[in-house]
Amino acid sequence: MKATIWHNPNCGTSRNTLAILEERDGVDLTVVRYLENPPSRDKLAQLYRDAGMAPREGLRLMGTDAEERGLSQADDDTVLDAMMADPILINRPLVETEKGVRLCRPKERVEEIL
């Protein structure tokens, strides 16, 4: 099974989710450090669509100015534009497999798509 994780090594939840993926037999894993290599706008929109969530549900609020900027109430295009300009606004970790996409908060959500 192929899996891609959009990962921030400074995040404990992201590290713990990555560990689950690394320990799983048969997982062909791609790790993308999204702060250095953010997904394209189209890819990010597809990830949220496949996860069944609006982009604002994937917005990182803690440690960002997203609330002050009104992004938690903004439309999808505005949120995606903000995420492209400042990838720290993308909550993590996002994991994609052929079974789907999950924002793995808590880390155990990754099991749903393995």
N, C-alpha and C. Protein backbone atom coordinates (compact mmCIF):
# COMPACT_ATOMS: atom_id res chain seq x y z
N MET A 1 0.84 -1.19 0.00
CA MET A 1 0.00 0.00 0.00
C MET A 1 0.88 1.24 0.00
N LYS A 2 0.53 2.20 -0.86
CA LYS A 2 1.24 3.47 -0.89
C LYS A 2 0.57 4.43 0.08
N ALA A 3 1.38 5.21 0.77
CA ALA A 3 0.88 6.23 1.68
C ALA A 3 1.78 7.45 1.58
N THR A 4 1.14 8.62 1.64
CA THR A 4 1.88 9.88 1.67
C THR A 4 1.43 10.63 2.91
N ILE A 5 2.41 11.12 3.66
CA ILE A 5 2.12 11.94 4.84
C ILE A 5 2.70 13.32 4.60
N TRP A 6 1.87 14.34 4.82
CA TRP A 6 2.33 15.72 4.81
C TRP A 6 2.69 16.01 6.25
N HIS A 7 3.97 16.12 6.50
CA HIS A 7 4.56 15.98 7.83
C HIS A 7 5.30 17.24 8.27
N ASN A 8 5.19 17.52 9.58
CA ASN A 8 5.99 18.56 10.22
C ASN A 8 6.74 17.87 11.35
N PRO A 9 8.05 17.71 11.24
CA PRO A 9 8.81 16.99 12.26
C PRO A 9 8.80 17.67 13.63
N ASN A 10 8.38 18.92 13.70
CA ASN A 10 8.30 19.61 14.99
C ASN A 10 7.00 19.32 15.73
N CYS A 11 6.09 18.59 15.10
CA CYS A 11 4.77 18.30 15.68
C CYS A 11 4.74 16.88 16.22
N GLY A 12 4.41 16.74 17.49
CA GLY A 12 4.34 15.42 18.11
C GLY A 12 3.32 14.51 17.47
N THR A 13 2.14 15.04 17.15
CA THR A 13 1.11 14.21 16.51
C THR A 13 1.59 13.74 15.15
N SER A 14 2.25 14.61 14.42
CA SER A 14 2.78 14.24 13.11
C SER A 14 3.86 13.16 13.26
N ARG A 15 4.75 13.32 14.21
CA ARG A 15 5.80 12.31 14.44
C ARG A 15 5.19 10.97 14.85
N ASN A 16 4.18 11.00 15.70
CA ASN A 16 3.54 9.76 16.14
C ASN A 16 2.79 9.07 15.01
N THR A 17 2.15 9.84 14.15
CA THR A 17 1.47 9.26 12.99
C THR A 17 2.48 8.66 12.03
N LEU A 18 3.57 9.36 11.81
CA LEU A 18 4.64 8.84 10.96
C LEU A 18 5.16 7.52 11.52
N ALA A 19 5.33 7.42 12.82
CA ALA A 19 5.81 6.18 13.44
C ALA A 19 4.85 5.03 13.17
N ILE A 20 3.55 5.27 13.25
CA ILE A 20 2.56 4.23 12.95
C ILE A 20 2.75 3.75 11.52
N LEU A 21 2.91 4.68 10.59
CA LEU A 21 3.08 4.32 9.19
C LEU A 21 4.39 3.56 8.96
N GLU A 22 5.46 3.97 9.61
CA GLU A 22 6.75 3.31 9.44
C GLU A 22 6.75 1.90 10.02
N GLU A 23 5.97 1.67 11.06
CA GLU A 23 5.92 0.35 11.69
C GLU A 23 5.01 -0.63 10.96
N ARG A 24 4.16 -0.13 10.09
CA ARG A 24 3.19 -0.97 9.39
C ARG A 24 3.87 -1.69 8.23
N ASP A 25 3.78 -3.02 8.20
CA ASP A 25 4.34 -3.81 7.10
C ASP A 25 3.61 -3.50 5.81
N GLY A 26 4.35 -3.45 4.73
CA GLY A 26 3.76 -3.32 3.42
C GLY A 26 3.38 -1.91 3.02
N VAL A 27 3.79 -0.90 3.78
CA VAL A 27 3.46 0.48 3.44
C VAL A 27 4.65 1.10 2.70
N ASP A 28 4.40 1.51 1.47
CA ASP A 28 5.37 2.24 0.66
C ASP A 28 5.14 3.71 0.97
N LEU A 29 5.99 4.28 1.81
CA LEU A 29 5.74 5.59 2.42
C LEU A 29 6.51 6.71 1.74
N THR A 30 5.80 7.79 1.47
CA THR A 30 6.40 9.04 1.02
C THR A 30 6.15 10.08 2.10
N VAL A 31 7.21 10.71 2.55
CA VAL A 31 7.11 11.75 3.57
C VAL A 31 7.39 13.09 2.91
N VAL A 32 6.43 14.00 3.03
CA VAL A 32 6.57 15.34 2.46
C VAL A 32 6.60 16.33 3.61
N ARG A 33 7.70 17.02 3.75
CA ARG A 33 7.78 18.09 4.76
C ARG A 33 7.10 19.31 4.14
N TYR A 34 5.83 19.44 4.48
CA TYR A 34 4.99 20.40 3.76
C TYR A 34 5.36 21.86 4.00
N LEU A 35 6.08 22.17 5.07
CA LEU A 35 6.51 23.56 5.26
C LEU A 35 7.59 23.92 4.24
N GLU A 36 8.38 22.93 3.83
CA GLU A 36 9.43 23.14 2.84
C GLU A 36 8.91 22.90 1.42
N ASN A 37 8.00 21.95 1.28
CA ASN A 37 7.46 21.56 -0.02
C ASN A 37 5.94 21.44 0.08
N PRO A 38 5.25 22.57 0.16
CA PRO A 38 3.79 22.50 0.31
C PRO A 38 3.12 21.89 -0.92
N PRO A 39 1.98 21.24 -0.69
CA PRO A 39 1.24 20.73 -1.84
C PRO A 39 0.74 21.90 -2.69
N SER A 40 0.47 21.63 -3.94
CA SER A 40 -0.11 22.67 -4.79
C SER A 40 -1.51 22.98 -4.27
N ARG A 41 -2.03 24.09 -4.69
CA ARG A 41 -3.39 24.48 -4.29
C ARG A 41 -4.40 23.43 -4.72
N ASP A 42 -4.25 22.93 -5.95
CA ASP A 42 -5.16 21.90 -6.45
C ASP A 42 -5.04 20.61 -5.64
N LYS A 43 -3.81 20.23 -5.29
CA LYS A 43 -3.60 19.02 -4.50
C LYS A 43 -4.22 19.18 -3.12
N LEU A 44 -4.01 20.32 -2.50
CA LEU A 44 -4.56 20.55 -1.17
C LEU A 44 -6.09 20.52 -1.20
N ALA A 45 -6.67 21.14 -2.20
CA ALA A 45 -8.13 21.10 -2.34
C ALA A 45 -8.62 19.67 -2.52
N GLN A 46 -7.90 18.88 -3.31
CA GLN A 46 -8.26 17.47 -3.52
C GLN A 46 -8.15 16.67 -2.23
N LEU A 47 -7.10 16.92 -1.44
CA LEU A 47 -6.93 16.22 -0.17
C LEU A 47 -8.12 16.48 0.75
N TYR A 48 -8.51 17.73 0.88
CA TYR A 48 -9.65 18.06 1.74
C TYR A 48 -10.95 17.46 1.19
N ARG A 49 -11.12 17.53 -0.10
CA ARG A 49 -12.32 16.96 -0.72
C ARG A 49 -12.38 15.45 -0.45
N ASP A 50 -11.24 14.76 -0.65
CA ASP A 50 -11.21 13.32 -0.42
C ASP A 50 -11.35 12.95 1.05
N ALA A 51 -10.99 13.87 1.93
CA ALA A 51 -11.16 13.64 3.37
C ALA A 51 -12.58 13.98 3.82
N GLY A 52 -13.37 14.57 2.91
CA GLY A 52 -14.74 14.94 3.26
C GLY A 52 -14.82 16.13 4.19
N MET A 53 -13.88 17.05 4.01
CA MET A 53 -13.85 18.21 4.89
C MET A 53 -13.62 19.49 4.09
N ALA A 54 -14.11 20.58 4.64
CA ALA A 54 -13.87 21.89 4.05
C ALA A 54 -12.45 22.34 4.39
N PRO A 55 -11.81 23.12 3.53
CA PRO A 55 -10.47 23.60 3.85
C PRO A 55 -10.37 24.27 5.23
N ARG A 56 -11.39 24.99 5.65
CA ARG A 56 -11.29 25.66 6.96
C ARG A 56 -11.25 24.64 8.10
N GLU A 57 -11.75 23.42 7.87
CA GLU A 57 -11.65 22.36 8.89
C GLU A 57 -10.22 21.83 8.99
N GLY A 58 -9.42 22.09 7.97
CA GLY A 58 -8.01 21.71 7.98
C GLY A 58 -7.09 22.86 8.31
N LEU A 59 -7.66 23.92 8.82
CA LEU A 59 -6.91 25.13 9.16
C LEU A 59 -6.28 24.99 10.54
N ARG A 60 -5.01 25.27 10.62
CA ARG A 60 -4.33 25.25 11.92
C ARG A 60 -4.62 26.57 12.63
N LEU A 61 -5.25 26.47 13.78
CA LEU A 61 -5.59 27.67 14.55
C LEU A 61 -4.55 27.95 15.63
N MET A 62 -4.14 26.89 16.34
CA MET A 62 -3.20 27.06 17.45
C MET A 62 -1.83 27.51 16.92
N GLY A 63 -1.32 28.56 17.50
CA GLY A 63 0.00 29.04 17.11
C GLY A 63 0.04 29.82 15.82
N THR A 64 -1.14 30.20 15.30
CA THR A 64 -1.19 31.00 14.08
C THR A 64 -2.10 32.20 14.30
N ASP A 65 -2.17 33.05 13.32
CA ASP A 65 -3.06 34.22 13.40
C ASP A 65 -4.34 33.99 12.59
N ALA A 66 -4.68 32.73 12.34
CA ALA A 66 -5.83 32.40 11.49
C ALA A 66 -7.13 33.00 12.03
N GLU A 67 -7.35 32.91 13.33
CA GLU A 67 -8.58 33.46 13.92
C GLU A 67 -8.64 34.98 13.74
N GLU A 68 -7.53 35.64 14.05
CA GLU A 68 -7.48 37.10 13.92
C GLU A 68 -7.74 37.54 12.48
N ARG A 69 -7.34 36.73 11.54
CA ARG A 69 -7.54 37.05 10.12
C ARG A 69 -8.93 36.64 9.63
N GLY A 70 -9.73 36.04 10.50
CA GLY A 70 -11.08 35.63 10.12
C GLY A 70 -11.12 34.40 9.24
N LEU A 71 -10.04 33.63 9.19
CA LEU A 71 -9.98 32.50 8.27
C LEU A 71 -10.88 31.34 8.69
N SER A 72 -11.18 31.22 9.97
CA SER A 72 -12.03 30.11 10.40
C SER A 72 -13.46 30.27 9.91
N GLN A 73 -13.81 31.47 9.45
CA GLN A 73 -15.15 31.74 8.91
C GLN A 73 -15.11 32.04 7.41
N ALA A 74 -13.93 31.96 6.82
CA ALA A 74 -13.76 32.36 5.42
C ALA A 74 -14.21 31.25 4.46
N ASP A 75 -14.40 31.64 3.22
CA ASP A 75 -14.78 30.67 2.19
C ASP A 75 -13.56 29.83 1.79
N ASP A 76 -13.82 28.74 1.08
CA ASP A 76 -12.77 27.79 0.71
C ASP A 76 -11.63 28.44 -0.05
N ASP A 77 -11.94 29.28 -1.03
CA ASP A 77 -10.89 29.91 -1.83
C ASP A 77 -9.98 30.78 -0.98
N THR A 78 -10.57 31.55 -0.07
CA THR A 78 -9.77 32.42 0.79
C THR A 78 -8.86 31.60 1.69
N VAL A 79 -9.38 30.52 2.25
CA VAL A 79 -8.58 29.66 3.13
C VAL A 79 -7.45 29.01 2.34
N LEU A 80 -7.75 28.45 1.19
CA LEU A 80 -6.71 27.82 0.37
C LEU A 80 -5.64 28.83 -0.04
N ASP A 81 -6.04 30.04 -0.42
CA ASP A 81 -5.07 31.08 -0.77
C ASP A 81 -4.16 31.39 0.41
N ALA A 82 -4.74 31.50 1.60
CA ALA A 82 -3.94 31.78 2.79
C ALA A 82 -2.97 30.64 3.09
N MET A 83 -3.43 29.40 2.92
CA MET A 83 -2.55 28.25 3.15
C MET A 83 -1.40 28.20 2.17
N MET A 84 -1.66 28.60 0.93
CA MET A 84 -0.60 28.62 -0.08
C MET A 84 0.43 29.70 0.26
N ALA A 85 -0.04 30.83 0.76
CA ALA A 85 0.87 31.93 1.12
C ALA A 85 1.65 31.62 2.39
N ASP A 86 1.05 30.85 3.29
CA ASP A 86 1.68 30.56 4.58
C ASP A 86 1.33 29.13 5.00
N PRO A 87 2.13 28.13 4.56
CA PRO A 87 1.81 26.73 4.81
C PRO A 87 1.68 26.33 6.29
N ILE A 88 2.16 27.16 7.22
CA ILE A 88 1.98 26.84 8.64
C ILE A 88 0.50 26.78 8.99
N LEU A 89 -0.35 27.36 8.15
CA LEU A 89 -1.79 27.34 8.38
C LEU A 89 -2.42 25.99 8.06
N ILE A 90 -1.67 25.09 7.41
CA ILE A 90 -2.17 23.75 7.09
C ILE A 90 -2.01 22.88 8.33
N ASN A 91 -3.12 22.39 8.85
CA ASN A 91 -3.03 21.50 10.01
C ASN A 91 -2.47 20.16 9.57
N ARG A 92 -1.79 19.50 10.47
CA ARG A 92 -1.11 18.27 10.13
C ARG A 92 -1.33 17.23 11.20
N PRO A 93 -1.04 16.01 10.83
CA PRO A 93 -0.58 15.50 9.54
C PRO A 93 -1.74 15.06 8.66
N LEU A 94 -1.64 15.35 7.40
CA LEU A 94 -2.57 14.80 6.41
C LEU A 94 -1.92 13.53 5.86
N VAL A 95 -2.71 12.47 5.75
CA VAL A 95 -2.22 11.20 5.20
C VAL A 95 -3.16 10.77 4.10
N GLU A 96 -2.56 10.37 2.97
CA GLU A 96 -3.34 9.89 1.82
C GLU A 96 -2.90 8.48 1.47
N THR A 97 -3.87 7.58 1.32
CA THR A 97 -3.65 6.23 0.79
C THR A 97 -4.71 5.98 -0.27
N GLU A 98 -4.67 4.81 -0.89
CA GLU A 98 -5.71 4.50 -1.87
C GLU A 98 -7.07 4.31 -1.20
N LYS A 99 -7.09 4.20 0.11
CA LYS A 99 -8.35 4.07 0.85
C LYS A 99 -8.94 5.41 1.26
N GLY A 100 -8.20 6.49 1.07
CA GLY A 100 -8.73 7.80 1.41
C GLY A 100 -7.70 8.73 2.01
N VAL A 101 -8.20 9.82 2.56
CA VAL A 101 -7.36 10.86 3.17
C VAL A 101 -7.91 11.14 4.55
N ARG A 102 -7.02 11.36 5.50
CA ARG A 102 -7.42 11.75 6.84
C ARG A 102 -6.48 12.81 7.37
N LEU A 103 -7.07 13.76 8.10
CA LEU A 103 -6.29 14.63 8.97
C LEU A 103 -6.16 13.83 10.26
N CYS A 104 -4.98 13.38 10.55
CA CYS A 104 -4.77 12.39 11.61
C CYS A 104 -4.59 13.04 12.98
N ARG A 105 -5.65 13.63 13.44
CA ARG A 105 -5.76 14.21 14.77
C ARG A 105 -7.02 13.62 15.38
N PRO A 106 -6.89 12.67 16.24
CA PRO A 106 -5.68 12.09 16.82
C PRO A 106 -4.98 11.14 15.85
N LYS A 107 -3.78 10.75 16.21
CA LYS A 107 -2.94 9.93 15.34
C LYS A 107 -3.61 8.63 14.93
N GLU A 108 -4.48 8.09 15.75
CA GLU A 108 -5.15 6.82 15.47
C GLU A 108 -6.06 6.87 14.25
N ARG A 109 -6.41 8.06 13.81
CA ARG A 109 -7.28 8.19 12.62
C ARG A 109 -6.61 7.60 11.39
N VAL A 110 -5.29 7.49 11.39
CA VAL A 110 -4.59 6.91 10.25
C VAL A 110 -5.02 5.47 10.03
N GLU A 111 -5.40 4.77 11.08
CA GLU A 111 -5.82 3.37 10.96
C GLU A 111 -7.03 3.22 10.04
N GLU A 112 -7.87 4.25 9.92
CA GLU A 112 -9.06 4.20 9.09
C GLU A 112 -8.74 4.03 7.61
N ILE A 113 -7.52 4.39 7.20
CA ILE A 113 -7.18 4.35 5.79
C ILE A 113 -6.01 3.40 5.50
N LEU A 114 -5.70 2.55 6.46
CA LEU A 114 -4.62 1.56 6.24
C LEU A 114 -5.20 0.19 5.99
